[in-house]
Each structure stands twice: as structure tokens, then as C-alpha cells.
């Protein structure tokens, strides 16, 4: 098998996708979630320290990123681990969102 055949076979397997760009995109998405988590933690701590109470809406937003990622991965890969994580994150988001909305309505 020569170089051209190997290259053709690789292109066929990867459907002309840019694997480096996909890897960079995955790394970027992980960084987004981490930064969002850190910023939410800072907001949460500041709000608690100034007597502003608990804001579960922030955490609903943070966990919704992971929830969405796991639902998309499950839809594409049908991995039971992703399904379990998606369901768990969905429950967490629903509880935090419901708590946040309840607190807003009863203030």
C-alpha cells in the first residue's frame, strides 16, 4: 500500500473531517464549561457573603451545558453512560430551575 492509497483510505474513514479542528473544538468546549463553573462559583460565593441568599438559577445554567452535551452525545453514540449522565444532569437542572423560579415567585 503506497502513500496515496493510505491517504485515500484515511479520508474515506474520516469523511474529509479535520480531526485537529474537532480536537480543538472539544478542548474549547471543555474550557467553556470550566470557566462557566468558576464564574458561577464566584457569583454564588459573593451573593452568599453579601447576604443575597442562594441563587440556584446560576447553577441550573452551569449544569445545563453538561446536560445538553450528554444528550447530544447519547443521541449520536447511543452510549448508556451518556444516557445516565444526561438524565442525572436533567434532574439537577430541573430541581435547580424549579427552586430558582419558586423563590422568585414567592419573594
PDB file of N, CA and C in Angstrom:
ATOM      1  N   UNK A   1       0.851  -1.173   0.000  1.00  0.00           N
ATOM      2  CA  UNK A   1       0.000   0.000   0.000  1.00  0.00           C
ATOM      3  C   UNK A   1       0.900   1.239   0.000  1.00  0.00           C
ATOM      4  N   UNK A   2       0.694   2.131  -0.957  1.00  0.00           N
ATOM      5  CA  UNK A   2       1.525   3.325  -1.018  1.00  0.00           C
ATOM      6  C   UNK A   2       0.847   4.495  -0.290  1.00  0.00           C
ATOM      7  N   UNK A   3       1.539   5.640  -0.269  1.00  0.00           N
ATOM      8  CA  UNK A   3       1.045   6.816   0.460  1.00  0.00           C
ATOM      9  C   UNK A   3      -0.323   7.272  -0.015  1.00  0.00           C
ATOM     10  N   UNK A   4      -0.526   7.277  -1.316  1.00  0.00           N
ATOM     11  CA  UNK A   4      -1.795   7.746  -1.865  1.00  0.00           C
ATOM     12  C   UNK A   4      -2.954   6.859  -1.436  1.00  0.00           C
ATOM     13  N   UNK A   5      -2.744   5.561  -1.440  1.00  0.00           N
ATOM     14  CA  UNK A   5      -3.799   4.636  -1.019  1.00  0.00           C
ATOM     15  C   UNK A   5      -4.123   4.817   0.460  1.00  0.00           C
ATOM     16  N   UNK A   6      -3.090   4.997   1.258  1.00  0.00           N
ATOM     17  CA  UNK A   6      -3.299   5.206   2.697  1.00  0.00           C
ATOM     18  C   UNK A   6      -4.071   6.504   2.935  1.00  0.00           C
ATOM     19  N   UNK A   7      -3.678   7.547   2.201  1.00  0.00           N
ATOM     20  CA  UNK A   7      -4.361   8.838   2.335  1.00  0.00           C
ATOM     21  C   UNK A   7      -5.816   8.738   1.907  1.00  0.00           C
ATOM     22  N   UNK A   8      -6.085   8.069   0.814  1.00  0.00           N
ATOM     23  CA  UNK A   8      -7.469   7.884   0.338  1.00  0.00           C
ATOM     24  C   UNK A   8      -8.292   7.103   1.354  1.00  0.00           C
ATOM     25  N   UNK A   9      -7.701   6.063   1.903  1.00  0.00           N
ATOM     26  CA  UNK A   9      -8.405   5.244   2.889  1.00  0.00           C
ATOM     27  C   UNK A   9      -8.716   6.069   4.146  1.00  0.00           C
ATOM     28  N   UNK A  10      -7.753   6.861   4.580  1.00  0.00           N
ATOM     29  CA  UNK A  10      -7.942   7.710   5.754  1.00  0.00           C
ATOM     30  C   UNK A  10      -9.031   8.748   5.507  1.00  0.00           C
ATOM     31  N   UNK A  11      -9.042   9.350   4.344  1.00  0.00           N
ATOM     32  CA  UNK A  11     -10.072  10.339   4.008  1.00  0.00           C
ATOM     33  C   UNK A  11     -11.452   9.701   3.972  1.00  0.00           C
ATOM     34  N   UNK A  12     -11.512   8.488   3.446  1.00  0.00           N
ATOM     35  CA  UNK A  12     -12.798   7.796   3.386  1.00  0.00           C
ATOM     36  C   UNK A  12     -13.306   7.487   4.794  1.00  0.00           C
ATOM     37  N   UNK A  13     -12.402   7.055   5.669  1.00  0.00           N
ATOM     38  CA  UNK A  13     -12.790   6.729   7.038  1.00  0.00           C
ATOM     39  C   UNK A  13     -13.223   7.964   7.815  1.00  0.00           C
ATOM     40  N   UNK A  14     -12.521   9.070   7.591  1.00  0.00           N
ATOM     41  CA  UNK A  14     -12.808  10.303   8.338  1.00  0.00           C
ATOM     42  C   UNK A  14     -13.743  11.250   7.602  1.00  0.00           C
ATOM     43  N   UNK A  15     -14.186  10.854   6.425  1.00  0.00           N
ATOM     44  CA  UNK A  15     -15.129  11.647   5.619  1.00  0.00           C
ATOM     45  C   UNK A  15     -14.662  13.085   5.450  1.00  0.00           C
ATOM     46  N   UNK A  16     -13.365  13.246   5.198  1.00  0.00           N
ATOM     47  CA  UNK A  16     -12.732  14.544   4.971  1.00  0.00           C
ATOM     48  C   UNK A  16     -12.900  15.518   6.142  1.00  0.00           C
ATOM     49  N   UNK A  17     -13.074  14.998   7.344  1.00  0.00           N
ATOM     50  CA  UNK A  17     -13.175  15.851   8.524  1.00  0.00           C
ATOM     51  C   UNK A  17     -11.781  16.310   8.929  1.00  0.00           C
ATOM     52  N   UNK A  18     -11.706  17.481   9.488  1.00  0.00           N
ATOM     53  CA  UNK A  18     -10.455  17.989  10.023  1.00  0.00           C
ATOM     54  C   UNK A  18     -10.372  17.532  11.477  1.00  0.00           C
ATOM     55  N   UNK A  19      -9.616  16.482  11.723  1.00  0.00           N
ATOM     56  CA  UNK A  19      -9.547  15.895  13.058  1.00  0.00           C
ATOM     57  C   UNK A  19      -8.918  16.864  14.066  1.00  0.00           C
ATOM     58  N   UNK A  20      -7.952  17.653  13.617  1.00  0.00           N
ATOM     59  CA  UNK A  20      -7.338  18.639  14.515  1.00  0.00           C
ATOM     60  C   UNK A  20      -8.371  19.676  14.944  1.00  0.00           C
ATOM     61  N   UNK A  21      -9.167  20.150  13.996  1.00  0.00           N
ATOM     62  CA  UNK A  21     -10.201  21.140  14.319  1.00  0.00           C
ATOM     63  C   UNK A  21     -11.230  20.553  15.280  1.00  0.00           C
ATOM     64  N   UNK A  22     -11.580  19.292  15.100  1.00  0.00           N
ATOM     65  CA  UNK A  22     -12.521  18.643  16.023  1.00  0.00           C
ATOM     66  C   UNK A  22     -11.934  18.537  17.418  1.00  0.00           C
ATOM     67  N   UNK A  23     -10.637  18.212  17.501  1.00  0.00           N
ATOM     68  CA  UNK A  23      -9.976  18.103  18.796  1.00  0.00           C
ATOM     69  C   UNK A  23      -9.922  19.465  19.487  1.00  0.00           C
ATOM     70  N   UNK A  24      -9.612  20.508  18.738  1.00  0.00           N
ATOM     71  CA  UNK A  24      -9.586  21.863  19.291  1.00  0.00           C
ATOM     72  C   UNK A  24     -10.974  22.258  19.774  1.00  0.00           C
ATOM     73  N   UNK A  25     -11.998  21.892  19.023  1.00  0.00           N
ATOM     74  CA  UNK A  25     -13.374  22.207  19.407  1.00  0.00           C
ATOM     75  C   UNK A  25     -13.748  21.511  20.715  1.00  0.00           C
ATOM     76  N   UNK A  26     -13.348  20.261  20.870  1.00  0.00           N
ATOM     77  CA  UNK A  26     -13.624  19.532  22.118  1.00  0.00           C
ATOM     78  C   UNK A  26     -12.924  20.204  23.295  1.00  0.00           C
ATOM     79  N   UNK A  27     -11.677  20.585  23.096  1.00  0.00           N
ATOM     80  CA  UNK A  27     -10.926  21.259  24.154  1.00  0.00           C
ATOM     81  C   UNK A  27     -11.579  22.592  24.503  1.00  0.00           C
ATOM     82  N   UNK A  28     -12.009  23.323  23.503  1.00  0.00           N
ATOM     83  CA  UNK A  28     -12.669  24.608  23.728  1.00  0.00           C
ATOM     84  C   UNK A  28     -13.963  24.423  24.513  1.00  0.00           C
ATOM     85  N   UNK A  29     -14.739  23.415  24.162  1.00  0.00           N
ATOM     86  CA  UNK A  29     -15.996  23.167  24.867  1.00  0.00           C
ATOM     87  C   UNK A  29     -15.746  22.817  26.327  1.00  0.00           C
ATOM     88  N   UNK A  30     -14.713  22.035  26.597  1.00  0.00           N
ATOM     89  CA  UNK A  30     -14.363  21.708  27.980  1.00  0.00           C
ATOM     90  C   UNK A  30     -13.960  22.966  28.740  1.00  0.00           C
ATOM     91  N   UNK A  31     -13.209  23.842  28.089  1.00  0.00           N
ATOM     92  CA  UNK A  31     -12.789  25.083  28.724  1.00  0.00           C
ATOM     93  C   UNK A  31     -13.984  25.975  29.022  1.00  0.00           C
ATOM     94  N   UNK A  32     -14.956  26.005  28.118  1.00  0.00           N
ATOM     95  CA  UNK A  32     -16.167  26.810  28.321  1.00  0.00           C
ATOM     96  C   UNK A  32     -16.880  26.377  29.599  1.00  0.00           C
ATOM     97  N   UNK A  33     -17.057  25.092  29.766  1.00  0.00           N
ATOM     98  CA  UNK A  33     -17.761  24.581  30.941  1.00  0.00           C
ATOM     99  C   UNK A  33     -16.978  24.894  32.212  1.00  0.00           C
ATOM    100  N   UNK A  34     -15.666  24.740  32.165  1.00  0.00           N
ATOM    101  CA  UNK A  34     -14.843  25.018  33.340  1.00  0.00           C
ATOM    102  C   UNK A  34     -14.911  26.495  33.720  1.00  0.00           C
ATOM    103  N   UNK A  35     -14.786  27.389  32.756  1.00  0.00           N
ATOM    104  CA  UNK A  35     -14.849  28.825  33.030  1.00  0.00           C
ATOM    105  C   UNK A  35     -16.234  29.196  33.559  1.00  0.00           C
ATOM    106  N   UNK A  36     -17.271  28.634  32.974  1.00  0.00           N
ATOM    107  CA  UNK A  36     -18.630  28.906  33.427  1.00  0.00           C
ATOM    108  C   UNK A  36     -18.799  28.450  34.882  1.00  0.00           C
ATOM    109  N   UNK A  37     -18.232  27.308  35.219  1.00  0.00           N
ATOM    110  CA  UNK A  37     -18.311  26.794  36.577  1.00  0.00           C
ATOM    111  C   UNK A  37     -17.596  27.715  37.561  1.00  0.00           C
ATOM    112  N   UNK A  38     -16.414  28.174  37.205  1.00  0.00           N
ATOM    113  CA  UNK A  38     -15.648  29.064  38.084  1.00  0.00           C
ATOM    114  C   UNK A  38     -16.385  30.391  38.283  1.00  0.00           C
ATOM    115  N   UNK A  39     -16.875  30.976  37.207  1.00  0.00           N
ATOM    116  CA  UNK A  39     -17.591  32.257  37.325  1.00  0.00           C
ATOM    117  C   UNK A  39     -18.860  32.088  38.160  1.00  0.00           C
ATOM    118  N   UNK A  40     -19.582  31.002  37.945  1.00  0.00           N
ATOM    119  CA  UNK A  40     -20.792  30.764  38.739  1.00  0.00           C
ATOM    120  C   UNK A  40     -20.444  30.595  40.210  1.00  0.00           C
ATOM    121  N   UNK A  41     -19.351  29.906  40.509  1.00  0.00           N
ATOM    122  CA  UNK A  41     -18.940  29.719  41.899  1.00  0.00           C
ATOM    123  C   UNK A  41     -18.594  31.062  42.541  1.00  0.00           C
ATOM    124  N   UNK A  42     -17.897  31.923  41.808  1.00  0.00           N
ATOM    125  CA  UNK A  42     -17.560  33.255  42.333  1.00  0.00           C
ATOM    126  C   UNK A  42     -18.841  34.043  42.600  1.00  0.00           C
ATOM    127  N   UNK A  43     -19.760  34.073  41.641  1.00  0.00           N
ATOM    128  CA  UNK A  43     -21.032  34.782  41.844  1.00  0.00           C
ATOM    129  C   UNK A  43     -21.791  34.226  43.050  1.00  0.00           C
ATOM    130  N   UNK A  44     -21.829  32.903  43.167  1.00  0.00           N
ATOM    131  CA  UNK A  44     -22.544  32.246  44.249  1.00  0.00           C
ATOM    132  C   UNK A  44     -21.951  32.644  45.605  1.00  0.00           C
ATOM    133  N   UNK A  45     -20.632  32.609  45.698  1.00  0.00           N
ATOM    134  CA  UNK A  45     -19.954  32.950  46.957  1.00  0.00           C
ATOM    135  C   UNK A  45     -20.151  34.423  47.302  1.00  0.00           C
ATOM    136  N   UNK A  46     -20.005  35.304  46.315  1.00  0.00           N
ATOM    137  CA  UNK A  46     -20.205  36.738  46.566  1.00  0.00           C
ATOM    138  C   UNK A  46     -21.639  36.994  47.007  1.00  0.00           C
ATOM    139  N   UNK A  47     -22.602  36.387  46.340  1.00  0.00           N
ATOM    140  CA  UNK A  47     -24.000  36.602  46.694  1.00  0.00           C
ATOM    141  C   UNK A  47     -24.277  36.115  48.113  1.00  0.00           C
ATOM    142  N   UNK A  48     -23.719  34.976  48.500  1.00  0.00           N
ATOM    143  CA  UNK A  48     -23.893  34.481  49.862  1.00  0.00           C
ATOM    144  C   UNK A  48     -23.228  35.412  50.877  1.00  0.00           C
ATOM    145  N   UNK A  49     -22.040  35.891  50.553  1.00  0.00           N
ATOM    146  CA  UNK A  49     -21.288  36.707  51.510  1.00  0.00           C
ATOM    147  C   UNK A  49     -21.908  38.092  51.731  1.00  0.00           C
ATOM    148  N   UNK A  50     -22.641  38.613  50.767  1.00  0.00           N
ATOM    149  CA  UNK A  50     -23.283  39.915  50.955  1.00  0.00           C
ATOM    150  C   UNK A  50     -24.727  39.770  51.438  1.00  0.00           C
ATOM    151  N   UNK A  51     -25.124  38.575  51.763  1.00  0.00           N
ATOM    152  CA  UNK A  51     -26.456  38.354  52.294  1.00  0.00           C
ATOM    153  C   UNK A  51     -27.546  38.287  51.253  1.00  0.00           C
ATOM    154  N   UNK A  52     -27.193  37.960  50.029  1.00  0.00           N
ATOM    155  CA  UNK A  52     -28.173  37.916  48.948  1.00  0.00           C
ATOM    156  C   UNK A  52     -28.921  36.603  48.837  1.00  0.00           C
ATOM    157  N   UNK A  53     -28.630  35.665  49.717  1.00  0.00           N
ATOM    158  CA  UNK A  53     -29.311  34.370  49.661  1.00  0.00           C
ATOM    159  C   UNK A  53     -28.715  33.465  48.598  1.00  0.00           C
ATOM    160  N   UNK A  54     -29.421  32.405  48.311  1.00  0.00           N
ATOM    161  CA  UNK A  54     -28.947  31.412  47.335  1.00  0.00           C
ATOM    162  C   UNK A  54     -29.582  31.666  45.975  1.00  0.00           C
ATOM    163  N   UNK A  55     -28.791  31.528  44.938  1.00  0.00           N
ATOM    164  CA  UNK A  55     -29.300  31.692  43.577  1.00  0.00           C
ATOM    165  C   UNK A  55     -29.033  30.402  42.812  1.00  0.00           C
ATOM    166  N   UNK A  56     -30.031  29.542  42.786  1.00  0.00           N
ATOM    167  CA  UNK A  56     -29.868  28.272  42.102  1.00  0.00           C
ATOM    168  C   UNK A  56     -30.024  28.401  40.586  1.00  0.00           C
ATOM    169  N   UNK A  57     -30.490  29.551  40.117  1.00  0.00           N
ATOM    170  CA  UNK A  57     -30.598  29.782  38.680  1.00  0.00           C
ATOM    171  C   UNK A  57     -29.244  29.726  37.997  1.00  0.00           C
ATOM    172  N   UNK A  58     -28.225  30.249  38.662  1.00  0.00           N
ATOM    173  CA  UNK A  58     -26.866  30.203  38.114  1.00  0.00           C
ATOM    174  C   UNK A  58     -26.438  28.761  37.915  1.00  0.00           C
ATOM    175  N   UNK A  59     -26.693  27.931  38.915  1.00  0.00           N
ATOM    176  CA  UNK A  59     -26.271  26.529  38.826  1.00  0.00           C
ATOM    177  C   UNK A  59     -27.084  25.763  37.797  1.00  0.00           C
ATOM    178  N   UNK A  60     -28.340  26.122  37.627  1.00  0.00           N
ATOM    179  CA  UNK A  60     -29.139  25.490  36.570  1.00  0.00           C
ATOM    180  C   UNK A  60     -28.507  25.766  35.211  1.00  0.00           C
ATOM    181  N   UNK A  61     -28.049  26.993  35.008  1.00  0.00           N
ATOM    182  CA  UNK A  61     -27.383  27.334  33.747  1.00  0.00           C
ATOM    183  C   UNK A  61     -26.080  26.564  33.569  1.00  0.00           C
ATOM    184  N   UNK A  62     -25.278  26.495  34.618  1.00  0.00           N
ATOM    185  CA  UNK A  62     -23.995  25.794  34.528  1.00  0.00           C
ATOM    186  C   UNK A  62     -24.210  24.324  34.183  1.00  0.00           C
ATOM    187  N   UNK A  63     -25.099  23.669  34.904  1.00  0.00           N
ATOM    188  CA  UNK A  63     -25.315  22.240  34.670  1.00  0.00           C
ATOM    189  C   UNK A  63     -26.051  21.967  33.359  1.00  0.00           C
ATOM    190  N   UNK A  64     -26.738  22.970  32.833  1.00  0.00           N
ATOM    191  CA  UNK A  64     -27.434  22.753  31.559  1.00  0.00           C
ATOM    192  C   UNK A  64     -26.456  22.527  30.411  1.00  0.00           C
ATOM    193  N   UNK A  65     -25.253  23.072  30.509  1.00  0.00           N
ATOM    194  CA  UNK A  65     -24.241  22.831  29.472  1.00  0.00           C
ATOM    195  C   UNK A  65     -23.855  21.357  29.430  1.00  0.00           C
ATOM    196  N   UNK A  66     -23.559  20.783  30.589  1.00  0.00           N
ATOM    197  CA  UNK A  66     -23.226  19.350  30.640  1.00  0.00           C
ATOM    198  C   UNK A  66     -24.425  18.496  30.256  1.00  0.00           C
ATOM    199  N   UNK A  67     -25.601  18.898  30.698  1.00  0.00           N
ATOM    200  CA  UNK A  67     -26.816  18.157  30.359  1.00  0.00           C
ATOM    201  C   UNK A  67     -26.985  18.079  28.842  1.00  0.00           C
ATOM    202  N   UNK A  68     -26.848  19.217  28.194  1.00  0.00           N
ATOM    203  CA  UNK A  68     -27.014  19.264  26.739  1.00  0.00           C
ATOM    204  C   UNK A  68     -25.952  18.434  26.041  1.00  0.00           C
ATOM    205  N   UNK A  69     -24.707  18.546  26.482  1.00  0.00           N
ATOM    206  CA  UNK A  69     -23.617  17.779  25.865  1.00  0.00           C
ATOM    207  C   UNK A  69     -23.879  16.281  25.959  1.00  0.00           C
ATOM    208  N   UNK A  70     -24.339  15.818  27.112  1.00  0.00           N
ATOM    209  CA  UNK A  70     -24.602  14.375  27.273  1.00  0.00           C
ATOM    210  C   UNK A  70     -25.806  13.926  26.456  1.00  0.00           C
ATOM    211  N   UNK A  71     -26.834  14.760  26.339  1.00  0.00           N
ATOM    212  CA  UNK A  71     -27.976  14.378  25.492  1.00  0.00           C
ATOM    213  C   UNK A  71     -27.560  14.267  24.031  1.00  0.00           C
ATOM    214  N   UNK A  72     -26.735  15.209  23.574  1.00  0.00           N
ATOM    215  CA  UNK A  72     -26.270  15.169  22.182  1.00  0.00           C
ATOM    216  C   UNK A  72     -25.382  13.946  21.958  1.00  0.00           C
ATOM    217  N   UNK A  73     -24.468  13.678  22.889  1.00  0.00           N
ATOM    218  CA  UNK A  73     -23.603  12.505  22.747  1.00  0.00           C
ATOM    219  C   UNK A  73     -24.420  11.222  22.755  1.00  0.00           C
ATOM    220  N   UNK A  74     -25.431  11.165  23.619  1.00  0.00           N
ATOM    221  CA  UNK A  74     -26.268   9.961  23.645  1.00  0.00           C
ATOM    222  C   UNK A  74     -27.037   9.803  22.336  1.00  0.00           C
ATOM    223  N   UNK A  75     -27.568  10.887  21.813  1.00  0.00           N
ATOM    224  CA  UNK A  75     -28.333  10.829  20.557  1.00  0.00           C
ATOM    225  C   UNK A  75     -27.465  10.338  19.403  1.00  0.00           C
ATOM    226  N   UNK A  76     -26.187  10.711  19.409  1.00  0.00           N
ATOM    227  CA  UNK A  76     -25.299  10.327  18.311  1.00  0.00           C
ATOM    228  C   UNK A  76     -24.654   8.961  18.519  1.00  0.00           C
ATOM    229  N   UNK A  77     -24.280   8.630  19.770  1.00  0.00           N
ATOM    230  CA  UNK A  77     -23.487   7.427  20.034  1.00  0.00           C
ATOM    231  C   UNK A  77     -24.257   6.291  20.700  1.00  0.00           C
ATOM    232  N   UNK A  78     -25.409   6.605  21.280  1.00  0.00           N
ATOM    233  CA  UNK A  78     -26.235   5.609  21.995  1.00  0.00           C
ATOM    234  C   UNK A  78     -25.453   4.887  23.089  1.00  0.00           C
ATOM    235  N   UNK A  79     -24.670   5.671  23.836  1.00  0.00           N
ATOM    236  CA  UNK A  79     -23.880   5.136  24.936  1.00  0.00           C
ATOM    237  C   UNK A  79     -24.712   5.236  26.217  1.00  0.00           C
ATOM    238  N   UNK A  80     -24.853   4.126  26.926  1.00  0.00           N
ATOM    239  CA  UNK A  80     -25.703   4.122  28.122  1.00  0.00           C
ATOM    240  C   UNK A  80     -25.139   5.017  29.222  1.00  0.00           C
ATOM    241  N   UNK A  81     -23.823   5.190  29.265  1.00  0.00           N
ATOM    242  CA  UNK A  81     -23.224   6.091  30.250  1.00  0.00           C
ATOM    243  C   UNK A  81     -23.641   7.531  30.011  1.00  0.00           C
ATOM    244  N   UNK A  82     -23.697   7.908  28.737  1.00  0.00           N
ATOM    245  CA  UNK A  82     -24.143   9.264  28.409  1.00  0.00           C
ATOM    246  C   UNK A  82     -25.620   9.443  28.728  1.00  0.00           C
ATOM    247  N   UNK A  83     -26.416   8.409  28.521  1.00  0.00           N
ATOM    248  CA  UNK A  83     -27.846   8.486  28.860  1.00  0.00           C
ATOM    249  C   UNK A  83     -28.019   8.686  30.357  1.00  0.00           C
ATOM    250  N   UNK A  84     -27.295   7.912  31.149  1.00  0.00           N
ATOM    251  CA  UNK A  84     -27.395   8.034  32.602  1.00  0.00           C
ATOM    252  C   UNK A  84     -26.967   9.438  33.052  1.00  0.00           C
ATOM    253  N   UNK A  85     -25.843   9.926  32.506  1.00  0.00           N
ATOM    254  CA  UNK A  85     -25.374  11.266  32.868  1.00  0.00           C
ATOM    255  C   UNK A  85     -26.375  12.333  32.417  1.00  0.00           C
ATOM    256  N   UNK A  86     -26.944  12.173  31.234  1.00  0.00           N
ATOM    257  CA  UNK A  86     -27.920  13.140  30.721  1.00  0.00           C
ATOM    258  C   UNK A  86     -29.146  13.197  31.625  1.00  0.00           C
ATOM    259  N   UNK A  87     -29.628  12.046  32.042  1.00  0.00           N
ATOM    260  CA  UNK A  87     -30.794  12.010  32.934  1.00  0.00           C
ATOM    261  C   UNK A  87     -30.451  12.652  34.275  1.00  0.00           C
ATOM    262  N   UNK A  88     -29.279  12.333  34.817  1.00  0.00           N
ATOM    263  CA  UNK A  88     -28.869  12.903  36.098  1.00  0.00           C
ATOM    264  C   UNK A  88     -28.761  14.428  36.005  1.00  0.00           C
ATOM    265  N   UNK A  89     -28.091  14.926  34.966  1.00  0.00           N
ATOM    266  CA  UNK A  89     -27.967  16.372  34.798  1.00  0.00           C
ATOM    267  C   UNK A  89     -29.331  17.023  34.560  1.00  0.00           C
ATOM    268  N   UNK A  90     -30.221  16.341  33.863  1.00  0.00           N
ATOM    269  CA  UNK A  90     -31.558  16.886  33.626  1.00  0.00           C
ATOM    270  C   UNK A  90     -32.314  17.053  34.943  1.00  0.00           C
ATOM    271  N   UNK A  91     -32.210  16.065  35.809  1.00  0.00           N
ATOM    272  CA  UNK A  91     -32.856  16.152  37.127  1.00  0.00           C
ATOM    273  C   UNK A  91     -32.261  17.304  37.930  1.00  0.00           C
ATOM    274  N   UNK A  92     -30.932  17.422  37.919  1.00  0.00           N
ATOM    275  CA  UNK A  92     -30.277  18.509  38.652  1.00  0.00           C
ATOM    276  C   UNK A  92     -30.738  19.868  38.128  1.00  0.00           C
ATOM    277  N   UNK A  93     -30.735  20.024  36.816  1.00  0.00           N
ATOM    278  CA  UNK A  93     -31.159  21.300  36.212  1.00  0.00           C
ATOM    279  C   UNK A  93     -32.614  21.586  36.558  1.00  0.00           C
ATOM    280  N   UNK A  94     -33.467  20.583  36.469  1.00  0.00           N
ATOM    281  CA  UNK A  94     -34.885  20.783  36.771  1.00  0.00           C
ATOM    282  C   UNK A  94     -35.087  21.201  38.226  1.00  0.00           C
ATOM    283  N   UNK A  95     -34.385  20.565  39.146  1.00  0.00           N
ATOM    284  CA  UNK A  95     -34.523  20.902  40.563  1.00  0.00           C
ATOM    285  C   UNK A  95     -34.018  22.324  40.824  1.00  0.00           C
ATOM    286  N   UNK A  96     -32.837  22.649  40.285  1.00  0.00           N
ATOM    287  CA  UNK A  96     -32.294  23.992  40.495  1.00  0.00           C
ATOM    288  C   UNK A  96     -33.178  25.055  39.850  1.00  0.00           C
ATOM    289  N   UNK A  97     -33.656  24.808  38.656  1.00  0.00           N
ATOM    290  CA  UNK A  97     -34.506  25.776  37.960  1.00  0.00           C
ATOM    291  C   UNK A  97     -35.832  25.960  38.702  1.00  0.00           C
ATOM    292  N   UNK A  98     -36.437  24.864  39.130  1.00  0.00           N
ATOM    293  CA  UNK A  98     -37.700  24.944  39.864  1.00  0.00           C
ATOM    294  C   UNK A  98     -37.512  25.715  41.172  1.00  0.00           C
ATOM    295  N   UNK A  99     -36.407  25.440  41.862  1.00  0.00           N
ATOM    296  CA  UNK A  99     -36.128  26.137  43.110  1.00  0.00           C
ATOM    297  C   UNK A  99     -35.953  27.630  42.861  1.00  0.00           C
ATOM    298  N   UNK A 100     -35.230  27.965  41.812  1.00  0.00           N
ATOM    299  CA  UNK A 100     -34.996  29.376  41.486  1.00  0.00           C
ATOM    300  C   UNK A 100     -36.309  30.087  41.139  1.00  0.00           C
ATOM    301  N   UNK A 101     -37.118  29.474  40.313  1.00  0.00           N
ATOM    302  CA  UNK A 101     -38.397  30.074  39.909  1.00  0.00           C
ATOM    303  C   UNK A 101     -39.330  30.191  41.116  1.00  0.00           C
ATOM    304  N   UNK A 102     -39.371  29.173  41.964  1.00  0.00           N
ATOM    305  CA  UNK A 102     -40.196  29.221  43.158  1.00  0.00           C
ATOM    306  C   UNK A 102     -39.792  30.390  44.058  1.00  0.00           C
ATOM    307  N   UNK A 103     -38.473  30.553  44.262  1.00  0.00           N
ATOM    308  CA  UNK A 103     -38.002  31.658  45.103  1.00  0.00           C
ATOM    309  C   UNK A 103     -38.352  33.009  44.500  1.00  0.00           C
ATOM    310  N   UNK A 104     -38.282  33.130  43.168  1.00  0.00           N
ATOM    311  CA  UNK A 104     -38.641  34.392  42.536  1.00  0.00           C
ATOM    312  C   UNK A 104     -40.124  34.708  42.705  1.00  0.00           C
ATOM    313  N   UNK A 105     -40.950  33.684  42.602  1.00  0.00           N
ATOM    314  CA  UNK A 105     -42.399  33.885  42.691  1.00  0.00           C
ATOM    315  C   UNK A 105     -42.871  34.153  44.119  1.00  0.00           C
ATOM    316  N   UNK A 106     -42.127  33.690  45.100  1.00  0.00           N
ATOM    317  CA  UNK A 106     -42.572  33.849  46.494  1.00  0.00           C
ATOM    318  C   UNK A 106     -41.864  34.982  47.221  1.00  0.00           C
ATOM    319  N   UNK A 107     -41.092  35.756  46.529  1.00  0.00           N
ATOM    320  CA  UNK A 107     -40.398  36.891  47.182  1.00  0.00           C
ATOM    321  C   UNK A 107     -41.333  38.054  47.361  1.00  0.00           C
TER     322      UNK A 107
END
